[in-house]
Amino acid sequence: MQQTLYLPLIRSIIQRKKGDTAKAVALIAPVTQYPNGLLYLHRAQAYLAAGDNQTAAAEFGKVISHRGWPQWEVFTPLAQLGLARAYAQQGNHEESRKAYDDFFTRWKDADPDIPILRQAKAEYNKLSVQASVPDPPQKKRDGHDLLSQWESPNSIQPSKPACLHGIRNHLPKPGFGSH
């Protein structure tokens, strides 16, 4: 039984690390008929690596919701982190922040120098910065910006986030570079 479960799992992890995410998913799919948190966690990670973020989120959710699985408490924080990453890649920043918050709550007493925790904090900070930067202006059909504040490099107001003040020199001048 152990070989039936763990050989495909190990082969799947190897393929995922090599970058062959489709093969990683295919190798682990047949053994997920056995309810096991480790298998579902790695299957979700394979889907996430393959860019199938919606399926990855569903698989991470299965790990989180099945409290009766052996070693559930070990895999749940990692599934929570994977869920946060899947939501972030889907562009669902609100749900991603909630999932990161849940992960940080579970690991509140962890050693702050654990690499996966440091990486998660960096991802969370990046997500927070992305949420504070407004989307670039949309163009009207005649080529003019919808938001007049973006038409001139000198029109950035002090009330804008500090990260925008450094882009003055990189904004196009009105009337130049129109396509």
Foldseek 3Di string as FASTA:
>chain_A
DCCLQVVLQVVLVVCVVVLNLVVSLVSLVVNVVDPALVSLLSNLVSCVSVVVLVVSLVSLVVLQPCPPHPPSLVRNLVSLLSNLSSCVSVVNLVVSLVSLVVSCVSCVVPDCPDVVNVVSVVVNVVSVVVVLDDDDFDADPVQDTPDVCLAALPSDDPVRDPVCVVCSVVRDHHPPPGD
